[in-house]
Amino acid sequence: MTISILAFDEKTGRMGGAAATGSLCVGGWVLRGHPESGMSASQGTAPSTLWGEGVLASMADGLRAADAVAAVTGSDSGRAHRQLAALDRFGGTAAFTGAASIAHAGSQDAAGLVVAGNMLAGPQVIAAAVAGFHAAAAMPFAERLMGALGAAAAAGGDARGLKSAALLVVGRDMAPLTLRIDHSVNPLAALADLYRVSQGEPYHGWTEVVPVLDDPYRAPAPEQVPDLPEPIIEGGPAIRR
């Protein structure tokens, strides 16, 4: 039902994930991440958002990805219907695929990288995502993640086609980049367009002055604050947009 990728960017220390599915709202269901814990992708026939959040909590408490995945999945009697991938903040990876996952289902990992999927057109989809990420090594990190989704789709992707896609990038030195296409006839193209807009002004400049973990009191200098528009009155007190 879903293809997902989690990766660690050695150049910046940032972590990111991307996912696409033939159902709705893949970003809200699948991807989780925090700079001080790691990334997770929880998916499957009966996906558990509790798994995604639980594995992050375990990694924040000091467990590496493999131990965190084992801890979260081992006690769940419904685990046969679920799939989980995790990336810890040191670049360690792990994945679990339940025995009742709809074929093709599985995962592949490499240094600082894990791809997982289920209800795929075949095993070539996961391999294509890994290859697509590596082939885009010269591109910005977020674009490499989206490139992996594109390569997976070109190799057959979700057996039902795609309806939603998402991108999440986190780091101590940045505001979270969290982009979601919850329903679209071409979610990968829509996600790429949303990413393009997010890298332009005024949005991109605004993300560079909001607080981040490495600079928790960051704020714009007076000359960076834009002039506010005149108040709009709609049958009540003045409001600003």
C-alpha atoms as a PDB file:
ATOM      1  CA  MET A   1       0.000   0.000   0.000  1.00  0.00           C
ATOM      2  CA  THR A   2       2.975   2.309   0.515  1.00  0.00           C
ATOM      3  CA  ILE A   3       6.590   2.986  -0.456  1.00  0.00           C
ATOM      4  CA  SER A   4       8.734   4.985   1.966  1.00  0.00           C
ATOM      5  CA  ILE A   5      12.356   6.046   2.308  1.00  0.00           C
ATOM      6  CA  LEU A   6      14.239   7.342   5.354  1.00  0.00           C
ATOM      7  CA  ALA A   7      17.760   8.720   5.025  1.00  0.00           C
ATOM      8  CA  PHE A   8      20.551  10.477   6.906  1.00  0.00           C
ATOM      9  CA  ASP A   9      22.410  13.309   5.198  1.00  0.00           C
ATOM     10  CA  GLU A  10      26.067  13.070   6.217  1.00  0.00           C
ATOM     11  CA  LYS A  11      26.813  16.503   4.748  1.00  0.00           C
ATOM     12  CA  THR A  12      24.453  18.351   7.087  1.00  0.00           C
ATOM     13  CA  GLY A  13      23.479  15.886   9.813  1.00  0.00           C
ATOM     14  CA  ARG A  14      19.853  16.288   8.804  1.00  0.00           C
ATOM     15  CA  MET A  15      17.385  13.417   8.447  1.00  0.00           C
ATOM     16  CA  GLY A  16      14.557  13.039   5.997  1.00  0.00           C
ATOM     17  CA  GLY A  17      11.793  10.810   4.791  1.00  0.00           C
ATOM     18  CA  ALA A  18       9.443  10.604   1.845  1.00  0.00           C
ATOM     19  CA  ALA A  19       6.469   8.367   1.173  1.00  0.00           C
ATOM     20  CA  ALA A  20       3.777   7.733  -1.425  1.00  0.00           C
ATOM     21  CA  THR A  21       0.727   5.504  -1.450  1.00  0.00           C
ATOM     22  CA  GLY A  22      -2.393   4.522  -3.362  1.00  0.00           C
ATOM     23  CA  SER A  23      -4.544   5.735  -0.471  1.00  0.00           C
ATOM     24  CA  LEU A  24      -5.082   9.109   1.202  1.00  0.00           C
ATOM     25  CA  CYS A  25      -2.983  11.182   3.602  1.00  0.00           C
ATOM     26  CA  VAL A  26       0.281   9.246   3.568  1.00  0.00           C
ATOM     27  CA  GLY A  27       2.185  12.007   5.362  1.00  0.00           C
ATOM     28  CA  GLY A  28      -0.033  12.036   8.425  1.00  0.00           C
ATOM     29  CA  TRP A  29      -0.238   8.263   8.634  1.00  0.00           C
ATOM     30  CA  VAL A  30       3.303   7.209   7.836  1.00  0.00           C
ATOM     31  CA  LEU A  31       6.057   9.759   8.482  1.00  0.00           C
ATOM     32  CA  ARG A  32       7.344  10.932  11.860  1.00  0.00           C
ATOM     33  CA  GLY A  33      10.609  12.658  12.736  1.00  0.00           C
ATOM     34  CA  HIS A  34      12.506  14.767  15.259  1.00  0.00           C
ATOM     35  CA  PRO A  35      16.138  15.931  15.190  1.00  0.00           C
ATOM     36  CA  GLU A  36      16.816  14.583  18.679  1.00  0.00           C
ATOM     37  CA  SER A  37      15.409  11.102  18.070  1.00  0.00           C
ATOM     38  CA  GLY A  38      15.283  10.105  14.409  1.00  0.00           C
ATOM     39  CA  MET A  39      12.765   9.229  11.715  1.00  0.00           C
ATOM     40  CA  SER A  40      10.074   6.582  11.376  1.00  0.00           C
ATOM     41  CA  ALA A  41       7.775   5.265   8.671  1.00  0.00           C
ATOM     42  CA  SER A  42       4.867   3.193   9.985  1.00  0.00           C
ATOM     43  CA  GLN A  43       2.684   1.625   7.307  1.00  0.00           C
ATOM     44  CA  GLY A  44       0.871  -1.565   6.303  1.00  0.00           C
ATOM     45  CA  THR A  45      -2.615  -3.007   5.952  1.00  0.00           C
ATOM     46  CA  ALA A  46      -3.469  -1.786   9.460  1.00  0.00           C
ATOM     47  CA  PRO A  47      -0.742   0.801  10.126  1.00  0.00           C
ATOM     48  CA  SER A  48      -0.015   1.850  13.690  1.00  0.00           C
ATOM     49  CA  THR A  49       0.737   5.508  14.289  1.00  0.00           C
ATOM     50  CA  LEU A  50       1.603   4.313  17.802  1.00  0.00           C
ATOM     51  CA  TRP A  51       4.502   2.371  16.316  1.00  0.00           C
ATOM     52  CA  GLY A  52       5.800   5.456  14.536  1.00  0.00           C
ATOM     53  CA  GLU A  53       5.637   7.562  17.670  1.00  0.00           C
ATOM     54  CA  GLY A  54       6.819   4.781  19.960  1.00  0.00           C
ATOM     55  CA  VAL A  55       9.971   4.052  18.017  1.00  0.00           C
ATOM     56  CA  LEU A  56      10.873   7.755  18.062  1.00  0.00           C
ATOM     57  CA  ALA A  57      10.398   7.845  21.829  1.00  0.00           C
ATOM     58  CA  SER A  58      12.587   4.766  22.246  1.00  0.00           C
ATOM     59  CA  MET A  59      15.338   6.286  20.119  1.00  0.00           C
ATOM     60  CA  ALA A  60      15.092   9.557  22.051  1.00  0.00           C
ATOM     61  CA  ASP A  61      15.682   7.504  25.206  1.00  0.00           C
ATOM     62  CA  GLY A  62      18.908   6.169  23.711  1.00  0.00           C
ATOM     63  CA  LEU A  63      17.989   2.984  21.834  1.00  0.00           C
ATOM     64  CA  ARG A  64      19.462   2.505  18.383  1.00  0.00           C
ATOM     65  CA  ALA A  65      17.085   1.889  15.489  1.00  0.00           C
ATOM     66  CA  ALA A  66      17.282  -1.924  15.516  1.00  0.00           C
ATOM     67  CA  ASP A  67      16.573  -2.194  19.253  1.00  0.00           C
ATOM     68  CA  ALA A  68      13.807   0.411  19.077  1.00  0.00           C
ATOM     69  CA  VAL A  69      12.038  -1.419  16.243  1.00  0.00           C
ATOM     70  CA  ALA A  70      12.299  -4.723  18.089  1.00  0.00           C
ATOM     71  CA  ALA A  71      10.914  -3.180  21.268  1.00  0.00           C
ATOM     72  CA  VAL A  72       7.936  -1.568  19.553  1.00  0.00           C
ATOM     73  CA  THR A  73       6.940  -4.437  17.289  1.00  0.00           C
ATOM     74  CA  GLY A  74       7.623  -7.416  19.527  1.00  0.00           C
ATOM     75  CA  SER A  75       4.700  -6.994  21.911  1.00  0.00           C
ATOM     76  CA  ASP A  76       2.022  -6.155  19.304  1.00  0.00           C
ATOM     77  CA  SER A  77      -0.279  -9.113  18.575  1.00  0.00           C
ATOM     78  CA  GLY A  78      -1.359  -7.396  15.341  1.00  0.00           C
ATOM     79  CA  ARG A  79       2.175  -6.954  14.008  1.00  0.00           C
ATOM     80  CA  ALA A  80       1.630  -9.363  11.110  1.00  0.00           C
ATOM     81  CA  HIS A  81      -0.441  -6.659   9.398  1.00  0.00           C
ATOM     82  CA  ARG A  82       2.024  -3.823   9.918  1.00  0.00           C
ATOM     83  CA  GLN A  83       5.348  -2.551   8.633  1.00  0.00           C
ATOM     84  CA  LEU A  84       7.843  -0.208  10.286  1.00  0.00           C
ATOM     85  CA  ALA A  85      11.120   1.429   9.262  1.00  0.00           C
ATOM     86  CA  ALA A  86      13.310   3.536  11.530  1.00  0.00           C
ATOM     87  CA  LEU A  87      16.379   5.738  11.258  1.00  0.00           C
ATOM     88  CA  ASP A  88      18.225   6.861  14.370  1.00  0.00           C
ATOM     89  CA  ARG A  89      20.104  10.146  14.690  1.00  0.00           C
ATOM     90  CA  PHE A  90      23.434   8.363  14.175  1.00  0.00           C
ATOM     91  CA  GLY A  91      22.354   6.979  10.791  1.00  0.00           C
ATOM     92  CA  GLY A  92      21.467   3.494  12.032  1.00  0.00           C
ATOM     93  CA  THR A  93      18.499   1.828  10.338  1.00  0.00           C
ATOM     94  CA  ALA A  94      16.096  -1.050  10.895  1.00  0.00           C
ATOM     95  CA  ALA A  95      12.845  -2.361   9.454  1.00  0.00           C
ATOM     96  CA  PHE A  96      10.109  -4.854  10.233  1.00  0.00           C
ATOM     97  CA  THR A  97       7.635  -6.366   7.762  1.00  0.00           C
ATOM     98  CA  GLY A  98       4.711  -8.350   9.159  1.00  0.00           C
ATOM     99  CA  ALA A  99       4.104 -11.832   7.803  1.00  0.00           C
ATOM    100  CA  ALA A 100       0.612 -10.932   6.555  1.00  0.00           C
ATOM    101  CA  SER A 101       1.783  -7.888   4.585  1.00  0.00           C
ATOM    102  CA  ILE A 102       0.338  -7.789   1.076  1.00  0.00           C
ATOM    103  CA  ALA A 103       2.876  -8.716  -1.590  1.00  0.00           C
ATOM    104  CA  HIS A 104       5.135  -7.474  -2.731  1.00  0.00           C
ATOM    105  CA  ALA A 105       6.310  -6.343   0.688  1.00  0.00           C
ATOM    106  CA  GLY A 106       9.774  -5.946   2.113  1.00  0.00           C
ATOM    107  CA  SER A 107      12.615  -3.557   2.852  1.00  0.00           C
ATOM    108  CA  GLN A 108      16.210  -2.782   1.954  1.00  0.00           C
ATOM    109  CA  ASP A 109      18.771  -0.787   3.880  1.00  0.00           C
ATOM    110  CA  ALA A 110      22.227   0.602   3.348  1.00  0.00           C
ATOM    111  CA  ALA A 111      24.429   3.018   5.256  1.00  0.00           C
ATOM    112  CA  GLY A 112      22.133   5.750   6.555  1.00  0.00           C
ATOM    113  CA  LEU A 113      19.247   4.626   4.345  1.00  0.00           C
ATOM    114  CA  VAL A 114      16.207   2.359   4.584  1.00  0.00           C
ATOM    115  CA  VAL A 115      13.393   1.795   2.070  1.00  0.00           C
ATOM    116  CA  ALA A 116      10.247  -0.170   2.908  1.00  0.00           C
ATOM    117  CA  GLY A 117       7.102  -0.963   0.984  1.00  0.00           C
ATOM    118  CA  ASN A 118       4.055  -3.156   0.689  1.00  0.00           C
ATOM    119  CA  MET A 119       1.435  -3.861  -1.980  1.00  0.00           C
ATOM    120  CA  LEU A 120       4.084  -2.988  -4.556  1.00  0.00           C
ATOM    121  CA  ALA A 121       4.247  -4.049  -8.180  1.00  0.00           C
ATOM    122  CA  GLY A 122       7.300  -6.174  -7.354  1.00  0.00           C
ATOM    123  CA  PRO A 123      10.666  -6.305  -5.578  1.00  0.00           C
ATOM    124  CA  GLN A 124      12.164  -4.044  -8.240  1.00  0.00           C
ATOM    125  CA  VAL A 125      10.278  -1.085  -6.742  1.00  0.00           C
ATOM    126  CA  ILE A 126      12.302  -1.050  -3.522  1.00  0.00           C
ATOM    127  CA  ALA A 127      15.575  -1.551  -5.387  1.00  0.00           C
ATOM    128  CA  ALA A 128      14.671   1.304  -7.732  1.00  0.00           C
ATOM    129  CA  ALA A 129      14.034   3.667  -4.823  1.00  0.00           C
ATOM    130  CA  VAL A 130      17.461   2.910  -3.345  1.00  0.00           C
ATOM    131  CA  ALA A 131      19.133   3.337  -6.722  1.00  0.00           C
ATOM    132  CA  GLY A 132      17.219   6.551  -7.381  1.00  0.00           C
ATOM    133  CA  PHE A 133      18.385   8.062  -4.122  1.00  0.00           C
ATOM    134  CA  HIS A 134      22.019   7.211  -4.807  1.00  0.00           C
ATOM    135  CA  ALA A 135      21.829   8.384  -8.423  1.00  0.00           C
ATOM    136  CA  ALA A 136      20.781  11.859  -7.251  1.00  0.00           C
ATOM    137  CA  ALA A 137      23.799  12.312  -4.950  1.00  0.00           C
ATOM    138  CA  ALA A 138      24.630  15.737  -6.412  1.00  0.00           C
ATOM    139  CA  MET A 139      21.133  17.117  -5.746  1.00  0.00           C
ATOM    140  CA  PRO A 140      19.825  18.777  -2.556  1.00  0.00           C
ATOM    141  CA  PHE A 141      18.831  16.260   0.108  1.00  0.00           C
ATOM    142  CA  ALA A 142      15.078  16.808  -0.169  1.00  0.00           C
ATOM    143  CA  GLU A 143      15.225  16.390  -3.926  1.00  0.00           C
ATOM    144  CA  ARG A 144      17.114  13.109  -3.525  1.00  0.00           C
ATOM    145  CA  LEU A 145      14.279  11.794  -1.376  1.00  0.00           C
ATOM    146  CA  MET A 146      11.671  12.815  -3.925  1.00  0.00           C
ATOM    147  CA  GLY A 147      13.843  11.348  -6.674  1.00  0.00           C
ATOM    148  CA  ALA A 148      13.701   7.999  -4.882  1.00  0.00           C
ATOM    149  CA  LEU A 149       9.892   8.113  -4.955  1.00  0.00           C
ATOM    150  CA  GLY A 150       9.962   8.959  -8.647  1.00  0.00           C
ATOM    151  CA  ALA A 151      12.276   6.042  -9.390  1.00  0.00           C
ATOM    152  CA  ALA A 152      10.041   3.705  -7.398  1.00  0.00           C
ATOM    153  CA  ALA A 153       6.956   4.870  -9.301  1.00  0.00           C
ATOM    154  CA  ALA A 154       8.732   4.370 -12.626  1.00  0.00           C
ATOM    155  CA  ALA A 155       9.507   0.791 -11.568  1.00  0.00           C
ATOM    156  CA  GLY A 156       5.837   0.037 -10.896  1.00  0.00           C
ATOM    157  CA  GLY A 157       5.261   1.670  -7.523  1.00  0.00           C
ATOM    158  CA  ASP A 158       2.095   0.938  -5.585  1.00  0.00           C
ATOM    159  CA  ALA A 159       0.138  -1.721  -7.449  1.00  0.00           C
ATOM    160  CA  ARG A 160      -2.974   0.512  -7.284  1.00  0.00           C
ATOM    161  CA  GLY A 161      -1.311   3.687  -8.506  1.00  0.00           C
ATOM    162  CA  LEU A 162      -0.708   6.722  -6.290  1.00  0.00           C
ATOM    163  CA  LYS A 163      -3.048   9.154  -4.541  1.00  0.00           C
ATOM    164  CA  SER A 164      -0.900  10.881  -1.922  1.00  0.00           C
ATOM    165  CA  ALA A 165       2.747  11.724  -1.222  1.00  0.00           C
ATOM    166  CA  ALA A 166       4.737  13.459   1.494  1.00  0.00           C
ATOM    167  CA  LEU A 167       8.172  14.781   2.387  1.00  0.00           C
ATOM    168  CA  LEU A 168       9.626  15.433   5.849  1.00  0.00           C
ATOM    169  CA  VAL A 169      13.112  16.796   6.596  1.00  0.00           C
ATOM    170  CA  VAL A 170      14.319  17.664  10.106  1.00  0.00           C
ATOM    171  CA  GLY A 171      17.542  19.012  11.586  1.00  0.00           C
ATOM    172  CA  ARG A 172      18.781  20.926  14.596  1.00  0.00           C
ATOM    173  CA  ASP A 173      19.695  23.899  12.419  1.00  0.00           C
ATOM    174  CA  MET A 174      16.474  24.164  10.417  1.00  0.00           C
ATOM    175  CA  ALA A 175      12.746  24.585  10.692  1.00  0.00           C
ATOM    176  CA  PRO A 176      10.997  21.302   9.831  1.00  0.00           C
ATOM    177  CA  LEU A 177      10.226  20.912   6.154  1.00  0.00           C
ATOM    178  CA  THR A 178       6.960  19.013   6.158  1.00  0.00           C
ATOM    179  CA  LEU A 179       5.054  18.891   2.881  1.00  0.00           C
ATOM    180  CA  ARG A 180       1.956  16.787   2.232  1.00  0.00           C
ATOM    181  CA  ILE A 181      -0.193  16.057  -0.773  1.00  0.00           C
ATOM    182  CA  ASP A 182      -3.163  14.259   0.750  1.00  0.00           C
ATOM    183  CA  HIS A 183      -5.108  13.538  -2.444  1.00  0.00           C
ATOM    184  CA  SER A 184      -4.120  14.077  -6.050  1.00  0.00           C
ATOM    185  CA  VAL A 185      -4.278  12.369  -9.431  1.00  0.00           C
ATOM    186  CA  ASN A 186      -0.515  13.007  -9.675  1.00  0.00           C
ATOM    187  CA  PRO A 187       0.799  13.368  -6.121  1.00  0.00           C
ATOM    188  CA  LEU A 188       4.499  13.166  -6.981  1.00  0.00           C
ATOM    189  CA  ALA A 189       4.243  16.075  -9.404  1.00  0.00           C
ATOM    190  CA  ALA A 190       2.158  18.019  -6.893  1.00  0.00           C
ATOM    191  CA  LEU A 191       4.721  17.345  -4.163  1.00  0.00           C
ATOM    192  CA  ALA A 192       7.572  18.505  -6.398  1.00  0.00           C
ATOM    193  CA  ASP A 193       5.669  21.704  -7.169  1.00  0.00           C
ATOM    194  CA  LEU A 194       4.910  22.347  -3.500  1.00  0.00           C
ATOM    195  CA  TYR A 195       8.590  21.831  -2.677  1.00  0.00           C
ATOM    196  CA  ARG A 196       9.556  24.309  -5.409  1.00  0.00           C
ATOM    197  CA  VAL A 197       7.244  26.941  -3.956  1.00  0.00           C
ATOM    198  CA  SER A 198       8.546  26.260  -0.430  1.00  0.00           C
ATOM    199  CA  GLN A 199      12.075  27.106  -1.561  1.00  0.00           C
ATOM    200  CA  GLY A 200      11.022  30.504  -2.874  1.00  0.00           C
ATOM    201  CA  GLU A 201      10.219  33.758  -1.140  1.00  0.00           C
ATOM    202  CA  PRO A 202       8.695  34.819   1.119  1.00  0.00           C
ATOM    203  CA  TYR A 203       8.277  31.359   2.674  1.00  0.00           C
ATOM    204  CA  HIS A 204      11.895  30.219   2.528  1.00  0.00           C
ATOM    205  CA  GLY A 205      13.204  33.443   4.057  1.00  0.00           C
ATOM    206  CA  TRP A 206      10.679  33.180   6.876  1.00  0.00           C
ATOM    207  CA  THR A 207      11.876  29.654   7.755  1.00  0.00           C
ATOM    208  CA  GLU A 208      15.394  31.036   8.200  1.00  0.00           C
ATOM    209  CA  VAL A 209      14.427  33.389  11.038  1.00  0.00           C
ATOM    210  CA  VAL A 210      12.104  31.208  13.148  1.00  0.00           C
ATOM    211  CA  PRO A 211      13.533  29.411  16.235  1.00  0.00           C
ATOM    212  CA  VAL A 212      15.398  26.113  15.763  1.00  0.00           C
ATOM    213  CA  LEU A 213      17.086  23.785  18.254  1.00  0.00           C
ATOM    214  CA  ASP A 214      20.538  25.221  17.576  1.00  0.00           C
ATOM    215  CA  ASP A 215      19.219  28.787  17.891  1.00  0.00           C
ATOM    216  CA  PRO A 216      16.077  28.663  20.059  1.00  0.00           C
ATOM    217  CA  TYR A 217      15.737  32.440  20.406  1.00  0.00           C
ATOM    218  CA  ARG A 218      16.177  33.287  16.747  1.00  0.00           C
ATOM    219  CA  ALA A 219      13.970  36.070  15.423  1.00  0.00           C
ATOM    220  CA  PRO A 220      14.059  38.452  12.481  1.00  0.00           C
ATOM    221  CA  ALA A 221      16.033  41.656  12.659  1.00  0.00           C
ATOM    222  CA  PRO A 222      13.848  44.797  12.481  1.00  0.00           C
ATOM    223  CA  GLU A 223      14.723  45.355   8.835  1.00  0.00           C
ATOM    224  CA  GLN A 224      13.596  41.807   8.026  1.00  0.00           C
ATOM    225  CA  VAL A 225      10.049  42.287   9.311  1.00  0.00           C
ATOM    226  CA  PRO A 226       7.723  42.939   6.353  1.00  0.00           C
ATOM    227  CA  ASP A 227       5.146  45.698   6.416  1.00  0.00           C
ATOM    228  CA  LEU A 228       1.781  44.334   7.454  1.00  0.00           C
ATOM    229  CA  PRO A 229      -1.174  44.913   5.157  1.00  0.00           C
ATOM    230  CA  GLU A 230      -3.970  47.201   6.168  1.00  0.00           C
ATOM    231  CA  PRO A 231      -6.576  45.584   8.452  1.00  0.00           C
ATOM    232  CA  ILE A 232      -9.521  43.879   6.780  1.00  0.00           C
ATOM    233  CA  ILE A 233     -12.862  44.456   8.442  1.00  0.00           C
ATOM    234  CA  GLU A 234     -15.436  41.713   7.942  1.00  0.00           C
ATOM    235  CA  GLY A 235     -18.433  42.640  10.030  1.00  0.00           C
ATOM    236  CA  GLY A 236     -16.402  42.837  13.212  1.00  0.00           C
ATOM    237  CA  PRO A 237     -13.044  43.837  14.686  1.00  0.00           C
ATOM    238  CA  ALA A 238     -10.108  44.420  12.379  1.00  0.00           C
ATOM    239  CA  ILE A 239      -8.107  41.317  11.434  1.00  0.00           C
ATOM    240  CA  ARG A 240      -4.785  40.940   9.728  1.00  0.00           C
ATOM    241  CA  ARG A 241      -3.769  38.348   7.195  1.00  0.00           C
END
